[in-house]
Amino acid sequence: MACNISDKQDWNARLYAQDWGRESQEGYKKSDLTNQCTHRYKVYIEGSAWSVSEKYILACDSPTLLVKPHYYDFFTRGLVPVHHYWPIQEDDKCKSIKYAVDWGNTHTKKAQNIGKAASDFIQQELKMDFVYDYMFHLLNSYAKLFRYQPSISDKAVELCVESMVCNAQGIEKKFMLESLVKGPSNTDPCIMPPPYDPPSLQTQIKRKQSLIERIEYKEKSYWKKKNVTS
């Protein structure tokens, strides 16, 4: 891995290879998310496709060094650069990570605030009640695109929630029981706000891009100065 520590260079990154084949055979013992919030900074980078780990990394209370994504989760566009995460350049990751860590180590309070803002966002904005509201509106929107009348197949088997919980154990079972819908809600789902009009949407996009470009400018100045003095 190019950005890992070597005899010649330390990019302030400690990266670990994961053998997912072995992990699946051994019960994912080395992939336990509860044991991964132990680093001062956390790097988030996609693999060959969308990754499920973004929300877990953001919830760690550590500043997230987020490599520019190509895939978006349903909450990603609610994140603000430098407030919820630190943007990492995709085409120059090693130098970008090195600068981010050096900046964070000299601005510890600001770095801590970034980590706290991200974990607060995950815990407050991604509550299960809100996620269920999102699912409700999403499924209703997709249903409006149907061009046929769906029907239940003769061979279909009804799957009850209780049967899924029975096979779960420990904390997994506890969380499933907590999120189990025990009856109809006393309130209606949230009302979706109207979509952005084009000018408002462009303003949001430009604001975030401006924040990222500001970091990239500081990063270039940092390396230019470092190359001159070295």
C-alpha atoms as a PDB file:
ATOM      1  CA  MET A   1       0.000   0.000   0.000  1.00  0.00           C
ATOM      2  CA  ALA A   2       1.611   3.169  -1.273  1.00  0.00           C
ATOM      3  CA  CYS A   3       0.779   5.506   1.633  1.00  0.00           C
ATOM      4  CA  ASN A   4       1.847   3.147   4.410  1.00  0.00           C
ATOM      5  CA  ILE A   5       4.960   3.748   6.509  1.00  0.00           C
ATOM      6  CA  SER A   6       8.247   2.581   4.966  1.00  0.00           C
ATOM      7  CA  ASP A   7      11.999   2.914   5.557  1.00  0.00           C
ATOM      8  CA  LYS A   8      12.052   5.942   3.257  1.00  0.00           C
ATOM      9  CA  GLN A   9       8.833   7.793   4.051  1.00  0.00           C
ATOM     10  CA  ASP A  10       6.194   8.214   6.747  1.00  0.00           C
ATOM     11  CA  TRP A  11       2.964   9.659   5.360  1.00  0.00           C
ATOM     12  CA  ASN A  12       1.357   9.670   8.826  1.00  0.00           C
ATOM     13  CA  ALA A  13      -0.834   6.750   7.764  1.00  0.00           C
ATOM     14  CA  ARG A  14      -1.129   3.243   9.197  1.00  0.00           C
ATOM     15  CA  LEU A  15      -2.972   1.080   6.687  1.00  0.00           C
ATOM     16  CA  TYR A  16      -4.013  -2.541   7.089  1.00  0.00           C
ATOM     17  CA  ALA A  17      -4.753  -5.127   4.410  1.00  0.00           C
ATOM     18  CA  GLN A  18      -7.922  -7.129   4.941  1.00  0.00           C
ATOM     19  CA  ASP A  19      -8.373 -10.687   3.696  1.00  0.00           C
ATOM     20  CA  TRP A  20     -12.155 -10.789   3.372  1.00  0.00           C
ATOM     21  CA  GLY A  21     -12.132 -14.448   2.351  1.00  0.00           C
ATOM     22  CA  ARG A  22     -10.421 -15.448   5.587  1.00  0.00           C
ATOM     23  CA  GLU A  23     -12.558 -13.012   7.572  1.00  0.00           C
ATOM     24  CA  SER A  24     -15.770 -14.631   6.319  1.00  0.00           C
ATOM     25  CA  GLN A  25     -14.461 -18.037   7.400  1.00  0.00           C
ATOM     26  CA  GLU A  26     -13.382 -16.829  10.861  1.00  0.00           C
ATOM     27  CA  GLY A  27     -16.489 -14.832  11.700  1.00  0.00           C
ATOM     28  CA  TYR A  28     -15.089 -11.363  10.903  1.00  0.00           C
ATOM     29  CA  LYS A  29     -13.117 -11.276  14.178  1.00  0.00           C
ATOM     30  CA  LYS A  30     -10.652  -8.705  12.825  1.00  0.00           C
ATOM     31  CA  SER A  31     -13.426  -6.592  11.305  1.00  0.00           C
ATOM     32  CA  ASP A  32     -15.408  -5.955  14.488  1.00  0.00           C
ATOM     33  CA  LEU A  33     -16.557  -2.351  14.160  1.00  0.00           C
ATOM     34  CA  THR A  34     -16.678  -1.897  17.935  1.00  0.00           C
ATOM     35  CA  ASN A  35     -12.886  -2.326  18.051  1.00  0.00           C
ATOM     36  CA  GLN A  36     -12.032   0.068  15.227  1.00  0.00           C
ATOM     37  CA  CYS A  37     -12.606   3.435  16.927  1.00  0.00           C
ATOM     38  CA  THR A  38      -9.134   3.441  18.462  1.00  0.00           C
ATOM     39  CA  HIS A  39      -7.215   5.783  16.141  1.00  0.00           C
ATOM     40  CA  ARG A  40      -6.777   9.546  16.318  1.00  0.00           C
ATOM     41  CA  TYR A  41      -7.814   9.829  12.652  1.00  0.00           C
ATOM     42  CA  LYS A  42      -9.843   7.541  10.411  1.00  0.00           C
ATOM     43  CA  VAL A  43      -9.407   7.243   6.638  1.00  0.00           C
ATOM     44  CA  TYR A  44     -12.454   6.506   4.500  1.00  0.00           C
ATOM     45  CA  ILE A  45     -11.861   5.335   0.944  1.00  0.00           C
ATOM     46  CA  GLU A  46     -14.092   3.362  -1.391  1.00  0.00           C
ATOM     47  CA  GLY A  47     -13.080   0.047  -2.861  1.00  0.00           C
ATOM     48  CA  SER A  48     -14.268  -1.111  -6.256  1.00  0.00           C
ATOM     49  CA  ALA A  49     -17.826  -0.100  -5.344  1.00  0.00           C
ATOM     50  CA  TRP A  50     -19.909   1.621  -2.677  1.00  0.00           C
ATOM     51  CA  SER A  51     -18.758   0.899   0.874  1.00  0.00           C
ATOM     52  CA  VAL A  52     -21.027   0.368   3.876  1.00  0.00           C
ATOM     53  CA  SER A  53     -18.389   1.605   6.357  1.00  0.00           C
ATOM     54  CA  GLU A  54     -18.687   5.385   5.838  1.00  0.00           C
ATOM     55  CA  LYS A  55     -21.297   5.960   8.552  1.00  0.00           C
ATOM     56  CA  TYR A  56     -19.414   3.789  11.044  1.00  0.00           C
ATOM     57  CA  ILE A  57     -16.158   5.646  10.458  1.00  0.00           C
ATOM     58  CA  LEU A  58     -17.870   9.024  10.805  1.00  0.00           C
ATOM     59  CA  ALA A  59     -19.408   7.881  14.105  1.00  0.00           C
ATOM     60  CA  CYS A  60     -16.013   7.157  15.691  1.00  0.00           C
ATOM     61  CA  ASP A  61     -15.527  10.682  17.118  1.00  0.00           C
ATOM     62  CA  SER A  62     -12.197  10.876  15.263  1.00  0.00           C
ATOM     63  CA  PRO A  63     -11.671  13.290  12.355  1.00  0.00           C
ATOM     64  CA  THR A  64     -12.502  11.412   9.158  1.00  0.00           C
ATOM     65  CA  LEU A  65     -10.033  11.849   6.290  1.00  0.00           C
ATOM     66  CA  LEU A  66     -12.423  11.257   3.411  1.00  0.00           C
ATOM     67  CA  VAL A  67     -10.998  10.467  -0.015  1.00  0.00           C
ATOM     68  CA  LYS A  68     -13.223  11.968  -2.712  1.00  0.00           C
ATOM     69  CA  PRO A  69     -16.053   9.434  -3.243  1.00  0.00           C
ATOM     70  CA  HIS A  70     -17.628   8.284  -6.504  1.00  0.00           C
ATOM     71  CA  TYR A  71     -20.636   6.670  -4.831  1.00  0.00           C
ATOM     72  CA  TYR A  72     -23.030   8.494  -2.528  1.00  0.00           C
ATOM     73  CA  ASP A  73     -24.940   7.184   0.455  1.00  0.00           C
ATOM     74  CA  PHE A  74     -28.382   8.633   1.126  1.00  0.00           C
ATOM     75  CA  PHE A  75     -26.933  10.999   3.745  1.00  0.00           C
ATOM     76  CA  THR A  76     -23.629  11.928   2.064  1.00  0.00           C
ATOM     77  CA  ARG A  77     -24.863  15.190   0.558  1.00  0.00           C
ATOM     78  CA  GLY A  78     -25.717  16.408   4.057  1.00  0.00           C
ATOM     79  CA  LEU A  79     -22.035  16.358   5.023  1.00  0.00           C
ATOM     80  CA  VAL A  80     -20.049  19.601   4.865  1.00  0.00           C
ATOM     81  CA  PRO A  81     -16.285  19.564   4.124  1.00  0.00           C
ATOM     82  CA  VAL A  82     -14.044  20.731   6.997  1.00  0.00           C
ATOM     83  CA  HIS A  83     -17.066  20.665   9.319  1.00  0.00           C
ATOM     84  CA  HIS A  84     -17.961  16.952   9.246  1.00  0.00           C
ATOM     85  CA  TYR A  85     -14.836  15.585   7.540  1.00  0.00           C
ATOM     86  CA  TRP A  86     -11.461  16.528   6.060  1.00  0.00           C
ATOM     87  CA  PRO A  87     -11.317  16.182   2.246  1.00  0.00           C
ATOM     88  CA  ILE A  88      -8.467  14.091   0.811  1.00  0.00           C
ATOM     89  CA  GLN A  89      -7.366  14.481  -2.804  1.00  0.00           C
ATOM     90  CA  GLU A  90      -7.973  11.357  -4.822  1.00  0.00           C
ATOM     91  CA  ASP A  91      -5.035  11.865  -7.192  1.00  0.00           C
ATOM     92  CA  ASP A  92      -2.440  12.619  -4.478  1.00  0.00           C
ATOM     93  CA  LYS A  93      -3.643  10.705  -1.444  1.00  0.00           C
ATOM     94  CA  CYS A  94      -0.336  10.233   0.379  1.00  0.00           C
ATOM     95  CA  LYS A  95       0.640  13.906   0.503  1.00  0.00           C
ATOM     96  CA  SER A  96      -2.948  14.859   1.233  1.00  0.00           C
ATOM     97  CA  ILE A  97      -3.134  12.496   4.235  1.00  0.00           C
ATOM     98  CA  LYS A  98       0.255  13.668   5.500  1.00  0.00           C
ATOM     99  CA  TYR A  99      -0.861  17.305   5.412  1.00  0.00           C
ATOM    100  CA  ALA A 100      -4.216  16.523   7.047  1.00  0.00           C
ATOM    101  CA  VAL A 101      -2.570  14.749   9.988  1.00  0.00           C
ATOM    102  CA  ASP A 102       0.085  17.451  10.405  1.00  0.00           C
ATOM    103  CA  TRP A 103      -2.657  20.093  10.384  1.00  0.00           C
ATOM    104  CA  GLY A 104      -4.746  18.154  12.892  1.00  0.00           C
ATOM    105  CA  ASN A 105      -1.801  17.628  15.229  1.00  0.00           C
ATOM    106  CA  THR A 106      -1.147  21.374  15.318  1.00  0.00           C
ATOM    107  CA  HIS A 107      -4.841  22.321  15.525  1.00  0.00           C
ATOM    108  CA  THR A 108      -6.046  19.676  17.960  1.00  0.00           C
ATOM    109  CA  LYS A 109      -9.169  21.512  19.113  1.00  0.00           C
ATOM    110  CA  LYS A 110     -10.372  22.140  15.563  1.00  0.00           C
ATOM    111  CA  ALA A 111      -9.618  18.528  14.633  1.00  0.00           C
ATOM    112  CA  GLN A 112     -11.600  17.293  17.634  1.00  0.00           C
ATOM    113  CA  ASN A 113     -14.514  19.515  16.625  1.00  0.00           C
ATOM    114  CA  ILE A 114     -14.565  17.905  13.163  1.00  0.00           C
ATOM    115  CA  GLY A 115     -14.710  14.438  14.708  1.00  0.00           C
ATOM    116  CA  LYS A 116     -17.441  15.481  17.147  1.00  0.00           C
ATOM    117  CA  ALA A 117     -19.537  17.158  14.434  1.00  0.00           C
ATOM    118  CA  ALA A 118     -19.451  13.966  12.347  1.00  0.00           C
ATOM    119  CA  SER A 119     -20.415  11.657  15.208  1.00  0.00           C
ATOM    120  CA  ASP A 120     -23.198  14.052  16.270  1.00  0.00           C
ATOM    121  CA  PHE A 121     -24.487  14.068  12.684  1.00  0.00           C
ATOM    122  CA  ILE A 122     -24.620  10.272  12.551  1.00  0.00           C
ATOM    123  CA  GLN A 123     -26.256   9.896  15.975  1.00  0.00           C
ATOM    124  CA  GLN A 124     -28.781  12.716  15.579  1.00  0.00           C
ATOM    125  CA  GLU A 125     -29.603  12.810  11.873  1.00  0.00           C
ATOM    126  CA  LEU A 126     -29.517   9.048  11.250  1.00  0.00           C
ATOM    127  CA  LYS A 127     -31.832   7.968  14.043  1.00  0.00           C
ATOM    128  CA  MET A 128     -33.894   4.946  13.039  1.00  0.00           C
ATOM    129  CA  ASP A 129     -37.102   7.003  13.081  1.00  0.00           C
ATOM    130  CA  PHE A 130     -35.584   9.292  10.441  1.00  0.00           C
ATOM    131  CA  VAL A 131     -34.240   6.346   8.440  1.00  0.00           C
ATOM    132  CA  TYR A 132     -37.701   4.751   8.418  1.00  0.00           C
ATOM    133  CA  ASP A 133     -39.167   8.043   7.189  1.00  0.00           C
ATOM    134  CA  TYR A 134     -36.576   8.102   4.413  1.00  0.00           C
ATOM    135  CA  MET A 135     -37.375   4.498   3.460  1.00  0.00           C
ATOM    136  CA  PHE A 136     -41.099   5.315   3.384  1.00  0.00           C
ATOM    137  CA  HIS A 137     -40.651   8.224   0.980  1.00  0.00           C
ATOM    138  CA  LEU A 138     -38.087   6.349  -1.127  1.00  0.00           C
ATOM    139  CA  LEU A 139     -40.294   3.284  -1.614  1.00  0.00           C
ATOM    140  CA  ASN A 140     -43.319   5.452  -2.365  1.00  0.00           C
ATOM    141  CA  SER A 141     -41.354   7.349  -5.005  1.00  0.00           C
ATOM    142  CA  TYR A 142     -40.170   4.120  -6.628  1.00  0.00           C
ATOM    143  CA  ALA A 143     -43.718   2.716  -6.529  1.00  0.00           C
ATOM    144  CA  LYS A 144     -44.913   5.626  -8.665  1.00  0.00           C
ATOM    145  CA  LEU A 145     -42.525   4.473 -11.408  1.00  0.00           C
ATOM    146  CA  PHE A 146     -44.134   1.034 -11.686  1.00  0.00           C
ATOM    147  CA  ARG A 147     -45.627   0.237 -15.074  1.00  0.00           C
ATOM    148  CA  TYR A 148     -47.232  -3.017 -13.932  1.00  0.00           C
ATOM    149  CA  GLN A 149     -49.398  -4.295 -11.097  1.00  0.00           C
ATOM    150  CA  PRO A 150     -47.202  -6.269  -8.656  1.00  0.00           C
ATOM    151  CA  SER A 151     -48.611  -9.515  -7.297  1.00  0.00           C
ATOM    152  CA  ILE A 152     -47.517 -12.190  -4.817  1.00  0.00           C
ATOM    153  CA  SER A 153     -46.185 -15.349  -6.453  1.00  0.00           C
ATOM    154  CA  ASP A 154     -47.878 -18.656  -5.632  1.00  0.00           C
ATOM    155  CA  LYS A 155     -44.511 -20.001  -4.419  1.00  0.00           C
ATOM    156  CA  ALA A 156     -43.728 -16.995  -2.234  1.00  0.00           C
ATOM    157  CA  VAL A 157     -43.182 -17.656   1.474  1.00  0.00           C
ATOM    158  CA  GLU A 158     -44.118 -14.971   3.985  1.00  0.00           C
ATOM    159  CA  LEU A 159     -41.187 -13.978   6.185  1.00  0.00           C
ATOM    160  CA  CYS A 160     -42.103 -12.644   9.613  1.00  0.00           C
ATOM    161  CA  VAL A 161     -39.870 -10.262  11.528  1.00  0.00           C
ATOM    162  CA  GLU A 162     -40.040 -12.513  14.582  1.00  0.00           C
ATOM    163  CA  SER A 163     -38.452 -15.396  12.657  1.00  0.00           C
ATOM    164  CA  MET A 164     -35.473 -13.189  11.769  1.00  0.00           C
ATOM    165  CA  VAL A 165     -34.955 -12.189  15.401  1.00  0.00           C
ATOM    166  CA  CYS A 166     -35.015 -15.794  16.612  1.00  0.00           C
ATOM    167  CA  ASN A 167     -31.735 -16.631  14.856  1.00  0.00           C
ATOM    168  CA  ALA A 168     -29.931 -13.544  16.173  1.00  0.00           C
ATOM    169  CA  GLN A 169     -27.863 -13.571  19.351  1.00  0.00           C
ATOM    170  CA  GLY A 170     -26.303 -11.141  21.818  1.00  0.00           C
ATOM    171  CA  ILE A 171     -26.089  -7.468  20.897  1.00  0.00           C
ATOM    172  CA  GLU A 172     -27.396  -8.157  17.391  1.00  0.00           C
ATOM    173  CA  LYS A 173     -30.635  -9.557  18.853  1.00  0.00           C
ATOM    174  CA  LYS A 174     -30.864  -6.685  21.341  1.00  0.00           C
ATOM    175  CA  PHE A 175     -30.632  -4.068  18.587  1.00  0.00           C
ATOM    176  CA  MET A 176     -33.098  -5.916  16.357  1.00  0.00           C
ATOM    177  CA  LEU A 177     -35.631  -6.045  19.191  1.00  0.00           C
ATOM    178  CA  GLU A 178     -35.143  -2.344  19.893  1.00  0.00           C
ATOM    179  CA  SER A 179     -35.851  -1.461  16.255  1.00  0.00           C
ATOM    180  CA  LEU A 180     -38.787  -3.858  15.981  1.00  0.00           C
ATOM    181  CA  VAL A 181     -42.000  -2.070  15.028  1.00  0.00           C
ATOM    182  CA  LYS A 182     -44.436  -3.013  17.782  1.00  0.00           C
ATOM    183  CA  GLY A 183     -47.448  -1.165  16.413  1.00  0.00           C
ATOM    184  CA  PRO A 184     -48.606   1.654  14.148  1.00  0.00           C
ATOM    185  CA  SER A 185     -46.997   5.025  14.738  1.00  0.00           C
ATOM    186  CA  ASN A 186     -48.913   7.742  16.556  1.00  0.00           C
ATOM    187  CA  THR A 187     -47.568  10.333  14.143  1.00  0.00           C
ATOM    188  CA  ASP A 188     -47.351  10.649  10.385  1.00  0.00           C
ATOM    189  CA  PRO A 189     -43.970  10.324   8.642  1.00  0.00           C
ATOM    190  CA  CYS A 190     -42.046  13.521   8.129  1.00  0.00           C
ATOM    191  CA  ILE A 191     -43.001  15.738   5.210  1.00  0.00           C
ATOM    192  CA  MET A 192     -40.349  15.862   2.537  1.00  0.00           C
ATOM    193  CA  PRO A 193     -39.145  19.394   1.832  1.00  0.00           C
ATOM    194  CA  PRO A 194     -39.458  20.536  -1.779  1.00  0.00           C
ATOM    195  CA  PRO A 195     -36.425  19.857  -3.975  1.00  0.00           C
ATOM    196  CA  TYR A 196     -33.860  22.596  -4.436  1.00  0.00           C
ATOM    197  CA  ASP A 197     -34.491  24.983  -7.286  1.00  0.00           C
ATOM    198  CA  PRO A 198     -31.486  25.091  -9.674  1.00  0.00           C
ATOM    199  CA  PRO A 199     -29.942  28.322  -8.255  1.00  0.00           C
ATOM    200  CA  SER A 200     -30.157  27.066  -4.652  1.00  0.00           C
ATOM    201  CA  LEU A 201     -28.684  23.705  -5.614  1.00  0.00           C
ATOM    202  CA  GLN A 202     -25.778  25.360  -7.413  1.00  0.00           C
ATOM    203  CA  THR A 203     -25.154  27.561  -4.375  1.00  0.00           C
ATOM    204  CA  GLN A 204     -24.886  24.477  -2.153  1.00  0.00           C
ATOM    205  CA  ILE A 205     -22.554  22.712  -4.586  1.00  0.00           C
ATOM    206  CA  LYS A 206     -20.331  25.774  -5.030  1.00  0.00           C
ATOM    207  CA  ARG A 207     -20.107  26.326  -1.271  1.00  0.00           C
ATOM    208  CA  LYS A 208     -18.833  22.806  -0.648  1.00  0.00           C
ATOM    209  CA  GLN A 209     -16.471  22.945  -3.620  1.00  0.00           C
ATOM    210  CA  SER A 210     -15.091  26.257  -2.361  1.00  0.00           C
ATOM    211  CA  LEU A 211     -14.313  24.702   1.031  1.00  0.00           C
ATOM    212  CA  ILE A 212     -12.517  21.790  -0.641  1.00  0.00           C
ATOM    213  CA  GLU A 213     -10.531  24.088  -2.937  1.00  0.00           C
ATOM    214  CA  ARG A 214      -9.490  26.189   0.052  1.00  0.00           C
ATOM    215  CA  ILE A 215      -7.981  23.097   1.689  1.00  0.00           C
ATOM    216  CA  GLU A 216      -6.273  22.093  -1.566  1.00  0.00           C
ATOM    217  CA  TYR A 217      -4.720  25.568  -1.829  1.00  0.00           C
ATOM    218  CA  LYS A 218      -3.390  25.393   1.742  1.00  0.00           C
ATOM    219  CA  GLU A 219      -2.100  21.904   1.052  1.00  0.00           C
ATOM    220  CA  LYS A 220      -0.176  23.031  -2.037  1.00  0.00           C
ATOM    221  CA  SER A 221       1.302  25.955  -0.098  1.00  0.00           C
ATOM    222  CA  TYR A 222       2.335  23.570   2.679  1.00  0.00           C
ATOM    223  CA  TRP A 223       4.204  21.253   0.318  1.00  0.00           C
ATOM    224  CA  LYS A 224       5.729  24.113  -1.652  1.00  0.00           C
ATOM    225  CA  LYS A 225       7.144  25.598   1.547  1.00  0.00           C
ATOM    226  CA  LYS A 226       8.309  22.183   2.743  1.00  0.00           C
ATOM    227  CA  ASN A 227      10.147  21.514  -0.537  1.00  0.00           C
ATOM    228  CA  VAL A 228      11.861  24.905  -0.390  1.00  0.00           C
ATOM    229  CA  THR A 229      13.092  24.478   3.183  1.00  0.00           C
ATOM    230  CA  SER A 230      14.151  20.840   2.811  1.00  0.00           C
END
